[in-house]
Each structure stands twice: as structure tokens, then as C-alpha cells.
Amino acid sequence: MIIYDLRCDHGHKFEGWFQDRQAFETQRSGKLITCPVCGGMETEIVPPSVMQLGKDKGPAKKRTDGEVSPLKYLEQLHRQIDKYFDDVGEQFTEVALRIHRGEEDRRNIRGVTTARDEEVLREEGVPFVKIPVPKLDS
């Protein structure tokens, strides 16, 4: 199975899975590939947005197509979390339970939990999402 990065004639990027290059060409010529965003059927293979290094371990090539790197997305996500979520630190479980039980006003919170805290939250039916915080270079 080969995964190709594709682009429709309206510029939307998406991926397609094919048995081989011939399978892609057959499906493309038969108008069997459609863009999931606009439904366009004119597609082309584009270079992947993530490049893997070969045996030479040479430097990765810089993007020139205007795409945002995964690191930039992660940085943007963390900026949004910092801006729109109250940091309750190690009190996350207690505050989340009070909000869940209606003892506090609903609001977005962020903080730290232990494995035991997460188990308690799951048992109580409190929805939460764990987002790892990597060390980002400035």
C-alpha cells in the first residue's frame, strides 16, 4: 500500500491510499478520486509535507509551499490553551469535579494530573483531554 499526498485543482491537500502508482493513475483517469473538501475530481500527486531522510542522513529540505510545520501547530495550540484556559495547576482534579457536579461555573481549565487522578475523573464521567507539553526551544 502506498500513501500519496494529493492536491485537487482548487488547491486542497489530502492523502490517498493506493496499491501502486498504476492504481492511482487508473483511478485518476476514471475520475474515481474526489477531493474530500470540494468534491473536485482533478487531482495530482504532490511532494509529501514531511520528508524522511535517506541513508545519507543529510539535512531535511525546507518547505517552500507555505505549509505550517507540526512544531508550529503545536506552538499555536499551546498559545491558545494558555490564552483561553484557566491554569488550576495540581488542583485540576478537584476543580474539574466541582465543575462537573455544578458546584462551580463551567469554564475551560488546564492543569496537572496523576494516573490516579485520571482514573477518578473517568469513574466520575468527567470529560478531559491530555495534551503533552513538550519542551519547546525559544
N, C-alpha and C. Protein backbone atom coordinates (compact mmCIF):
# COMPACT_ATOMS: atom_id res chain seq x y z
N MET A 1 0.85 -1.18 0.00
CA MET A 1 0.00 0.00 0.00
C MET A 1 0.89 1.24 0.00
N ILE A 2 0.56 2.19 -0.87
CA ILE A 2 1.31 3.45 -0.97
C ILE A 2 0.37 4.59 -0.62
N ILE A 3 0.85 5.51 0.21
CA ILE A 3 0.07 6.69 0.57
C ILE A 3 0.66 7.88 -0.17
N TYR A 4 -0.17 8.50 -1.02
CA TYR A 4 0.27 9.68 -1.76
C TYR A 4 -0.39 10.92 -1.18
N ASP A 5 0.37 12.01 -1.11
CA ASP A 5 -0.21 13.31 -0.82
C ASP A 5 -0.75 13.85 -2.13
N LEU A 6 -2.01 14.26 -2.12
CA LEU A 6 -2.68 14.71 -3.34
C LEU A 6 -3.15 16.15 -3.18
N ARG A 7 -3.37 16.82 -4.30
CA ARG A 7 -3.93 18.17 -4.30
C ARG A 7 -4.93 18.25 -5.44
N CYS A 8 -6.10 18.83 -5.14
CA CYS A 8 -7.11 19.00 -6.20
C CYS A 8 -6.81 20.29 -6.95
N ASP A 9 -7.56 20.53 -8.01
CA ASP A 9 -7.30 21.73 -8.82
C ASP A 9 -7.72 23.02 -8.11
N HIS A 10 -8.35 22.91 -6.93
CA HIS A 10 -8.69 24.10 -6.13
C HIS A 10 -7.67 24.34 -5.02
N GLY A 11 -6.62 23.48 -4.97
CA GLY A 11 -5.54 23.67 -4.02
C GLY A 11 -5.70 22.94 -2.69
N HIS A 12 -6.77 22.17 -2.52
CA HIS A 12 -6.95 21.43 -1.27
C HIS A 12 -6.02 20.22 -1.25
N LYS A 13 -5.33 20.02 -0.12
CA LYS A 13 -4.42 18.88 0.01
C LYS A 13 -5.08 17.79 0.83
N PHE A 14 -4.88 16.54 0.43
CA PHE A 14 -5.39 15.38 1.13
C PHE A 14 -4.55 14.18 0.76
N GLU A 15 -4.77 13.05 1.42
CA GLU A 15 -3.98 11.88 1.08
C GLU A 15 -4.86 10.78 0.51
N GLY A 16 -4.24 9.94 -0.28
CA GLY A 16 -4.94 8.80 -0.87
C GLY A 16 -4.09 7.55 -0.74
N TRP A 17 -4.74 6.42 -0.52
CA TRP A 17 -4.04 5.15 -0.36
C TRP A 17 -4.29 4.31 -1.60
N PHE A 18 -3.21 3.80 -2.20
CA PHE A 18 -3.31 3.05 -3.45
C PHE A 18 -2.42 1.82 -3.40
N GLN A 19 -2.80 0.83 -4.18
CA GLN A 19 -1.99 -0.38 -4.27
C GLN A 19 -0.61 -0.07 -4.86
N ASP A 20 -0.60 0.78 -5.89
CA ASP A 20 0.65 1.18 -6.52
C ASP A 20 0.37 2.42 -7.38
N ARG A 21 1.40 2.91 -8.07
CA ARG A 21 1.25 4.11 -8.89
C ARG A 21 0.23 3.88 -10.02
N GLN A 22 0.23 2.70 -10.61
CA GLN A 22 -0.71 2.38 -11.68
C GLN A 22 -2.14 2.45 -11.18
N ALA A 23 -2.39 1.97 -9.97
CA ALA A 23 -3.74 2.04 -9.39
C ALA A 23 -4.19 3.50 -9.25
N PHE A 24 -3.25 4.37 -8.82
CA PHE A 24 -3.57 5.79 -8.73
C PHE A 24 -3.94 6.34 -10.10
N GLU A 25 -3.11 6.07 -11.10
CA GLU A 25 -3.33 6.60 -12.44
C GLU A 25 -4.66 6.09 -13.01
N THR A 26 -4.97 4.83 -12.79
CA THR A 26 -6.23 4.26 -13.28
C THR A 26 -7.42 4.95 -12.63
N GLN A 27 -7.36 5.12 -11.31
CA GLN A 27 -8.47 5.78 -10.61
C GLN A 27 -8.59 7.25 -10.98
N ARG A 28 -7.45 7.90 -11.16
CA ARG A 28 -7.48 9.32 -11.54
C ARG A 28 -8.09 9.50 -12.93
N SER A 29 -7.67 8.67 -13.89
CA SER A 29 -8.20 8.80 -15.25
C SER A 29 -9.69 8.42 -15.31
N GLY A 30 -10.14 7.57 -14.41
CA GLY A 30 -11.55 7.19 -14.36
C GLY A 30 -12.38 8.13 -13.50
N LYS A 31 -11.77 9.24 -13.03
CA LYS A 31 -12.46 10.23 -12.19
C LYS A 31 -13.04 9.58 -10.93
N LEU A 32 -12.27 8.65 -10.34
CA LEU A 32 -12.72 7.95 -9.15
C LEU A 32 -12.14 8.54 -7.86
N ILE A 33 -11.26 9.53 -8.00
CA ILE A 33 -10.68 10.19 -6.84
C ILE A 33 -11.34 11.55 -6.71
N THR A 34 -11.89 11.83 -5.54
CA THR A 34 -12.52 13.13 -5.32
C THR A 34 -11.94 13.80 -4.09
N CYS A 35 -11.84 15.11 -4.15
CA CYS A 35 -11.35 15.90 -3.02
C CYS A 35 -12.39 15.84 -1.90
N PRO A 36 -11.98 15.52 -0.68
CA PRO A 36 -12.93 15.45 0.43
C PRO A 36 -13.45 16.82 0.85
N VAL A 37 -12.81 17.90 0.41
CA VAL A 37 -13.24 19.24 0.78
C VAL A 37 -14.26 19.80 -0.21
N CYS A 38 -13.93 19.74 -1.50
CA CYS A 38 -14.79 20.38 -2.50
C CYS A 38 -15.41 19.41 -3.50
N GLY A 39 -14.98 18.15 -3.49
CA GLY A 39 -15.52 17.18 -4.44
C GLY A 39 -14.87 17.22 -5.81
N GLY A 40 -13.85 18.06 -5.98
CA GLY A 40 -13.16 18.15 -7.26
C GLY A 40 -12.53 16.82 -7.65
N MET A 41 -12.53 16.52 -8.94
CA MET A 41 -12.00 15.24 -9.40
C MET A 41 -10.69 15.35 -10.17
N GLU A 42 -10.17 16.55 -10.32
CA GLU A 42 -8.86 16.74 -10.95
C GLU A 42 -7.82 16.75 -9.84
N THR A 43 -6.99 15.71 -9.77
CA THR A 43 -6.01 15.60 -8.70
C THR A 43 -4.62 15.36 -9.25
N GLU A 44 -3.63 15.69 -8.44
CA GLU A 44 -2.25 15.41 -8.78
C GLU A 44 -1.50 15.02 -7.52
N ILE A 45 -0.43 14.27 -7.69
CA ILE A 45 0.42 13.91 -6.57
C ILE A 45 1.35 15.08 -6.29
N VAL A 46 1.49 15.42 -5.00
CA VAL A 46 2.40 16.49 -4.60
C VAL A 46 3.44 15.91 -3.65
N PRO A 47 4.58 16.56 -3.53
CA PRO A 47 5.59 16.06 -2.59
C PRO A 47 5.03 16.03 -1.17
N PRO A 48 5.42 15.04 -0.39
CA PRO A 48 4.91 14.95 0.98
C PRO A 48 5.36 16.14 1.81
N SER A 49 4.53 16.51 2.79
CA SER A 49 4.86 17.65 3.63
C SER A 49 5.91 17.28 4.67
N VAL A 50 6.06 16.00 4.95
CA VAL A 50 7.09 15.55 5.87
C VAL A 50 8.07 14.70 5.07
N MET A 51 9.31 15.10 5.10
CA MET A 51 10.31 14.37 4.32
C MET A 51 11.09 13.46 5.25
N GLN A 52 11.37 12.26 4.79
CA GLN A 52 12.19 11.34 5.56
C GLN A 52 13.60 11.38 5.01
N LEU A 53 14.55 11.25 5.90
CA LEU A 53 15.94 11.26 5.47
C LEU A 53 16.32 9.89 4.95
N GLY A 54 17.16 9.87 3.96
CA GLY A 54 17.65 8.61 3.41
C GLY A 54 18.87 8.14 4.17
N LYS A 55 19.62 7.25 3.57
CA LYS A 55 20.79 6.68 4.22
C LYS A 55 21.86 7.72 4.51
N ASP A 56 21.90 8.78 3.71
CA ASP A 56 22.96 9.76 3.89
C ASP A 56 22.75 10.65 5.11
N LYS A 57 21.58 10.61 5.72
CA LYS A 57 21.26 11.40 6.91
C LYS A 57 21.50 12.88 6.69
N GLY A 58 21.31 13.32 5.48
CA GLY A 58 21.50 14.73 5.16
C GLY A 58 20.41 15.59 5.78
N PRO A 59 20.59 16.89 5.74
CA PRO A 59 19.62 17.79 6.34
C PRO A 59 18.28 17.74 5.59
N ALA A 60 17.20 17.93 6.35
CA ALA A 60 15.87 17.96 5.75
C ALA A 60 15.74 19.24 4.92
N LYS A 61 15.01 19.14 3.83
CA LYS A 61 14.80 20.31 2.99
C LYS A 61 13.71 21.19 3.59
N LYS A 62 13.90 22.49 3.46
CA LYS A 62 12.90 23.43 3.98
C LYS A 62 11.70 23.47 3.07
N ARG A 63 10.54 23.70 3.69
CA ARG A 63 9.30 23.83 2.94
C ARG A 63 9.26 25.17 2.23
N THR A 64 8.71 25.13 1.04
CA THR A 64 8.55 26.38 0.31
C THR A 64 7.11 26.56 -0.15
N ASP A 65 6.21 25.64 0.25
CA ASP A 65 4.83 25.70 -0.23
C ASP A 65 3.88 26.40 0.74
N GLY A 66 4.41 27.05 1.79
CA GLY A 66 3.57 27.80 2.70
C GLY A 66 2.92 26.96 3.79
N GLU A 67 3.21 25.68 3.87
CA GLU A 67 2.62 24.84 4.91
C GLU A 67 3.25 25.17 6.26
N VAL A 68 2.48 24.97 7.32
CA VAL A 68 2.96 25.20 8.67
C VAL A 68 3.51 23.88 9.20
N SER A 69 4.67 23.93 9.84
CA SER A 69 5.29 22.71 10.36
C SER A 69 4.50 22.19 11.57
N PRO A 70 4.61 20.90 11.87
CA PRO A 70 3.93 20.35 13.05
C PRO A 70 4.34 21.07 14.34
N LEU A 71 5.59 21.47 14.44
CA LEU A 71 6.04 22.20 15.63
C LEU A 71 5.30 23.52 15.76
N LYS A 72 5.10 24.22 14.64
CA LYS A 72 4.38 25.49 14.68
C LYS A 72 2.92 25.28 15.11
N TYR A 73 2.30 24.20 14.61
CA TYR A 73 0.93 23.89 15.03
C TYR A 73 0.87 23.66 16.53
N LEU A 74 1.85 22.92 17.05
CA LEU A 74 1.89 22.63 18.48
C LEU A 74 2.08 23.91 19.28
N GLU A 75 2.95 24.78 18.80
CA GLU A 75 3.16 26.06 19.48
C GLU A 75 1.87 26.88 19.48
N GLN A 76 1.15 26.91 18.35
CA GLN A 76 -0.11 27.64 18.25
C GLN A 76 -1.14 27.06 19.21
N LEU A 77 -1.22 25.73 19.27
CA LEU A 77 -2.15 25.07 20.18
C LEU A 77 -1.88 25.49 21.62
N HIS A 78 -0.63 25.46 22.03
CA HIS A 78 -0.29 25.83 23.39
C HIS A 78 -0.56 27.31 23.67
N ARG A 79 -0.37 28.17 22.71
CA ARG A 79 -0.70 29.59 22.90
C ARG A 79 -2.20 29.76 23.14
N GLN A 80 -3.02 29.01 22.37
CA GLN A 80 -4.47 29.09 22.54
C GLN A 80 -4.89 28.55 23.91
N ILE A 81 -4.29 27.46 24.33
CA ILE A 81 -4.60 26.89 25.65
C ILE A 81 -4.22 27.89 26.74
N ASP A 82 -3.03 28.48 26.63
CA ASP A 82 -2.61 29.47 27.62
C ASP A 82 -3.56 30.65 27.68
N LYS A 83 -4.08 31.05 26.53
CA LYS A 83 -4.94 32.23 26.46
C LYS A 83 -6.37 31.96 26.94
N TYR A 84 -6.93 30.79 26.63
CA TYR A 84 -8.35 30.55 26.86
C TYR A 84 -8.68 29.55 27.97
N PHE A 85 -7.68 29.00 28.65
CA PHE A 85 -7.92 28.04 29.72
C PHE A 85 -7.33 28.55 31.02
N ASP A 86 -8.10 28.46 32.12
CA ASP A 86 -7.59 28.83 33.43
C ASP A 86 -6.64 27.75 33.93
N ASP A 87 -5.46 28.15 34.37
CA ASP A 87 -4.48 27.20 34.90
C ASP A 87 -4.78 26.96 36.37
N VAL A 88 -5.24 25.75 36.69
CA VAL A 88 -5.55 25.40 38.08
C VAL A 88 -4.47 24.49 38.66
N GLY A 89 -3.40 24.26 37.91
CA GLY A 89 -2.25 23.51 38.38
C GLY A 89 -2.59 22.12 38.90
N GLU A 90 -2.07 21.80 40.07
CA GLU A 90 -2.27 20.49 40.66
C GLU A 90 -3.68 20.29 41.22
N GLN A 91 -4.49 21.34 41.21
CA GLN A 91 -5.87 21.25 41.69
C GLN A 91 -6.83 20.86 40.57
N PHE A 92 -6.30 20.42 39.44
CA PHE A 92 -7.13 20.14 38.27
C PHE A 92 -8.27 19.17 38.60
N THR A 93 -7.96 18.06 39.24
CA THR A 93 -8.98 17.05 39.51
C THR A 93 -10.09 17.61 40.39
N GLU A 94 -9.73 18.30 41.47
CA GLU A 94 -10.73 18.86 42.38
C GLU A 94 -11.62 19.88 41.67
N VAL A 95 -11.00 20.78 40.90
CA VAL A 95 -11.77 21.81 40.20
C VAL A 95 -12.66 21.17 39.12
N ALA A 96 -12.11 20.21 38.38
CA ALA A 96 -12.89 19.54 37.33
C ALA A 96 -14.10 18.84 37.93
N LEU A 97 -13.93 18.19 39.08
CA LEU A 97 -15.06 17.52 39.74
C LEU A 97 -16.11 18.53 40.20
N ARG A 98 -15.68 19.66 40.77
CA ARG A 98 -16.64 20.69 41.21
C ARG A 98 -17.42 21.25 40.02
N ILE A 99 -16.74 21.48 38.91
CA ILE A 99 -17.42 21.98 37.71
C ILE A 99 -18.40 20.92 37.21
N HIS A 100 -17.97 19.67 37.17
CA HIS A 100 -18.81 18.57 36.69
C HIS A 100 -20.07 18.41 37.55
N ARG A 101 -19.92 18.63 38.85
CA ARG A 101 -21.06 18.48 39.78
C ARG A 101 -21.91 19.74 39.87
N GLY A 102 -21.52 20.80 39.16
CA GLY A 102 -22.29 22.04 39.18
C GLY A 102 -21.99 22.93 40.37
N GLU A 103 -20.94 22.64 41.09
CA GLU A 103 -20.57 23.43 42.27
C GLU A 103 -19.78 24.68 41.89
N GLU A 104 -19.28 24.72 40.65
CA GLU A 104 -18.58 25.88 40.12
C GLU A 104 -19.09 26.13 38.72
N ASP A 105 -18.95 27.38 38.26
CA ASP A 105 -19.34 27.72 36.90
C ASP A 105 -18.49 26.95 35.90
N ARG A 106 -19.13 26.57 34.78
CA ARG A 106 -18.39 25.87 33.72
C ARG A 106 -17.39 26.82 33.09
N ARG A 107 -16.19 26.30 32.89
CA ARG A 107 -15.15 27.08 32.21
C ARG A 107 -14.07 26.10 31.76
N ASN A 108 -13.23 26.56 30.85
CA ASN A 108 -12.11 25.76 30.38
C ASN A 108 -11.00 25.84 31.41
N ILE A 109 -10.48 24.68 31.80
CA ILE A 109 -9.38 24.66 32.76
C ILE A 109 -8.26 23.79 32.22
N ARG A 110 -7.07 24.02 32.75
CA ARG A 110 -5.92 23.19 32.42
C ARG A 110 -5.14 23.00 33.70
N GLY A 111 -4.38 21.91 33.75
CA GLY A 111 -3.60 21.65 34.95
C GLY A 111 -2.87 20.33 34.85
N VAL A 112 -2.52 19.80 36.00
CA VAL A 112 -1.70 18.60 36.09
C VAL A 112 -2.49 17.51 36.79
N THR A 113 -2.34 16.27 36.30
CA THR A 113 -3.00 15.13 36.95
C THR A 113 -2.01 13.98 37.11
N THR A 114 -2.36 13.11 38.03
CA THR A 114 -1.62 11.85 38.18
C THR A 114 -2.47 10.77 37.53
N ALA A 115 -1.90 9.58 37.42
CA ALA A 115 -2.67 8.45 36.87
C ALA A 115 -3.90 8.18 37.73
N ARG A 116 -3.75 8.29 39.04
CA ARG A 116 -4.89 8.06 39.95
C ARG A 116 -5.96 9.14 39.73
N ASP A 117 -5.54 10.40 39.58
CA ASP A 117 -6.49 11.48 39.31
C ASP A 117 -7.30 11.19 38.05
N GLU A 118 -6.62 10.75 37.02
CA GLU A 118 -7.29 10.45 35.75
C GLU A 118 -8.29 9.31 35.91
N GLU A 119 -7.95 8.33 36.72
CA GLU A 119 -8.86 7.22 36.99
C GLU A 119 -10.12 7.73 37.69
N VAL A 120 -9.96 8.61 38.66
CA VAL A 120 -11.11 9.19 39.38
C VAL A 120 -11.99 9.98 38.41
N LEU A 121 -11.37 10.78 37.56
CA LEU A 121 -12.14 11.58 36.59
C LEU A 121 -12.94 10.68 35.66
N ARG A 122 -12.32 9.60 35.19
CA ARG A 122 -13.03 8.66 34.30
C ARG A 122 -14.20 8.00 35.03
N GLU A 123 -13.97 7.57 36.27
CA GLU A 123 -15.04 6.93 37.07
C GLU A 123 -16.22 7.87 37.29
N GLU A 124 -15.93 9.16 37.45
CA GLU A 124 -16.97 10.15 37.67
C GLU A 124 -17.63 10.64 36.37
N GLY A 125 -17.07 10.22 35.24
CA GLY A 125 -17.62 10.63 33.95
C GLY A 125 -17.25 12.04 33.53
N VAL A 126 -16.14 12.53 34.04
CA VAL A 126 -15.68 13.89 33.70
C VAL A 126 -14.88 13.82 32.41
N PRO A 127 -15.32 14.52 31.36
CA PRO A 127 -14.55 14.51 30.11
C PRO A 127 -13.30 15.38 30.25
N PHE A 128 -12.17 14.85 29.76
CA PHE A 128 -10.93 15.62 29.77
C PHE A 128 -10.05 15.11 28.64
N VAL A 129 -9.08 15.92 28.26
CA VAL A 129 -8.14 15.57 27.21
C VAL A 129 -6.74 15.83 27.74
N LYS A 130 -5.87 14.85 27.57
CA LYS A 130 -4.47 15.03 27.96
C LYS A 130 -3.70 15.55 26.75
N ILE A 131 -3.01 16.64 26.94
CA ILE A 131 -2.18 17.20 25.88
C ILE A 131 -0.76 17.30 26.42
N PRO A 132 0.16 16.55 25.86
CA PRO A 132 1.53 16.61 26.37
C PRO A 132 2.14 17.98 26.14
N VAL A 133 2.98 18.37 27.05
CA VAL A 133 3.66 19.65 26.94
C VAL A 133 5.13 19.38 26.70
N PRO A 134 5.54 19.41 25.42
CA PRO A 134 6.95 19.16 25.12
C PRO A 134 7.79 20.38 25.44
N LYS A 135 9.08 20.17 25.59
CA LYS A 135 10.00 21.28 25.76
C LYS A 135 10.20 21.93 24.40
N LEU A 136 9.82 23.19 24.27
CA LEU A 136 9.97 23.90 23.00
C LEU A 136 11.12 24.87 23.11
N ASP A 137 12.01 24.85 22.13
CA ASP A 137 13.12 25.79 22.11
C ASP A 137 12.58 27.15 21.73
N SER A 138 13.14 28.19 22.32
CA SER A 138 12.70 29.55 22.02
C SER A 138 13.33 30.04 20.75
